[in-house]
Amino acid sequence: NLVGKDKILKLFFNKSSPLTKNNYLDKNYLNSFKTILEEEYYKQGFLFVEISDPLISFGGDEKKASVVYSIKEGSQILLKDIILKNIPRALRLKILSSIKNKIGNPLNVVEIKDDLNFILNLVKEDGYYFAKIKNLDLKSLVQYTSDYKSAIIYIDFELEKKSVFESFLITGNRKTKREVIVREVKFKKGEMITPRKMAALRERLSSLGLFSAITLTPYKVEKSSEEKFYYVDLVVGVKERNSIQLTLAPGYRTDIGVKLSTELKFSNFQGMNRSLIVKAQTNQRLDFSNLDERRLKEEKRLLEYSLKTSFFEPYFLDTRLAFEGTAVASRKRQRGFDADFLKTSMQITRNLSSKLSYSLRYQLEAINQFDATLDKDKGFVRIGAITPSLTYDFRENKINPQRGGVIGLSAEFASPTFFSMKAEGKEVNYVKLISRNRYYFNAMGWVYACSLSFGYQKNLATDVLVDSYGMPVVDTDGSYKFKGFIPSIKVFSLSGIDNVRGFTPNEINKLDTGENIGEVVVKDKAFFSNLKFEPRYYFSDQFAFSLFVDGGRLYVGEFNPLTMRFGAGVGVKLLTPVGSLDFDYGVKLKRKVFSSSQKEEFGRFHLSIGFF
């Protein structure tokens, strides 16, 4: 037995059905294993192998069975040579070192088709874009000796000339300006045409989101028979999408309650791939558990809203910088106060590669805080900040990733230099660093998603405030009062993307002291840590099941990861073209008891859209 009994047994159990893996008799798998085993023999050069149907015999009690396959291997065929007609020597050596069939090894007929595709692609990548294989039938491709103990693979190429770019023509762009497509073509006159470059062009055009169909048709032009190259004229054909979209989205989320949003999007504004978006949303919370004790008892209802206008320009001032400007008016509920926001921001982004990008954002916020429980949260706050960030995104899919990851780092600097508020005891001057990292990998039919996030922020307005007599001003807690502190609206909170499933916002946002972070004046520094581990099983392209473990904690003054709290649970995901709709139920791995009559809730249901 040249393939080997041990190898056959290993193959049998590696490919086995769930029933067989659990030592149950599965006749369907036993019959299909015959085909699996035949393919393994073909890979080893046994083209004339004969394998019987499985013979099943039962023991006397019919609780155990034995299975027998009768195998007649026949002779093994070795690959004597690979002839690549018309291929230059350097390219031939590259091909022979890269394909799966190797000279001197057994002939692997199962891999011949893949080898042919790989060889033809290598030849085209070498510049012979119009190359063809003349003999694609198996009889002429593989030539056997009379005793069928060795064989030669013979590939006859119609190589023709190498191809270089000459010019291009664009069709189908009724609204889109020609320059939008021209700046994505990026071929220089005389540049070699290859499949990889053509695929990259298609991907760039597709990523614009403007076209429902894209065709790239190269035409070779031979100026004279003595020319060394073919000159290629490229026809770029596009079919434009509808550039105006109006959406209406009612819904419910556990963090904001029932909501209604509408969006009007001009995705190809002025035909220049600019975007103009107007979005309005209103929501009414049904759960008051994230409010402080006073506001929870009062159960005042407040209709929250957001009106946002944004403009996106992919080539700012005819450079490779992308520009985005936004203006937002909104009303939101926080734990200890409600607030009206007026916010404007400007951001430029530059892609350094297909995976690496950086951005720089300036944001100015005017916040009017009302119905506040604590004095520190009352009145008006103005925050001007600049935020540079760096992102390395190597996910294979941005919407529902299953492989790769994304690494992000941002630093927010708020200061009176950037028009933040500067008033006695209320100066806004801080730095805020955040690192969010996600990874996705596959193993044993599951997708494993991991998220690791960390944040650090520090108040820079730490000069002690003095009165008219030059004496230090004492705060209500007996400590010296600083010139400024970090506004509550900017203090870390474990919610949204950083939530810990199984906990309410009030529960997870408590410090070691038992105080909620919203009740604390952050005069010096604060931290947060958050991690998630979620194995996912995909039943289809639309539905997935998950298990999860989440951990997180907030810290003021000193970072202590040993006090991190954890929740675990199960969830289901409905996968949509814009992300996943997640239904999760989490429980606390360790519940806290505050008194004989007060104990944390056992767990919590969470509904979210595409956070992780």
Foldseek 3Di string as FASTA:
>chain_A
DVVDPVNLVVQLQVPDDPCVVVVHDDLVSQQVVVVVVQLVLLQQQQPPKDKDRWDWDADPVRPDIDIDIDIDRPAFEAEAEEAEPPDDPVLVVVLQVPAPRHHGGTDRPVRPVVSVVVSVQSLQQVQQVVKDWDDPDPPQQWAADPVRRYIYGYTYMPRDAGEAEAEEAEPALPQADPVLLVVLLPGDGRHGDHPVSVVSSVVSVVVLVFFPDWDKDWDWDDPDPPDRHTYIYIYIYTHTDDQWDKDWDWDAFQVFGTKIKIKIWRQCPNNNRKIKMWMKMKTKHPDLVQADPVCNVVVDTDIKMKIKIKIWHCQVVNHNKIKMKMWMWIWDDHRFWIKTKTKIKMKIKHAPDPFKIKMKMWMKMWMATPNGPDPLRHGIWIWIKMKIKIKGFDFPDDFDGAFAKMKMKMKIFTACVRVTDQDALAGATKMKIKIKIWGWYDDPQKIKIKIKMKMKMFGPQAAFGADPVRHFDADPVRHTGTRHFHRLVPADFCDQLNPAFFADRQVQQAAPVRDRPSVDTQHTMKMKIKMKIKIWHDPDQFKIKIKMKIWMHIGGPDDDVVPIWMKIWIWMWGQDPRHIWIWIKIATPDKDAPDPPDTGDGGDITTDTHSD
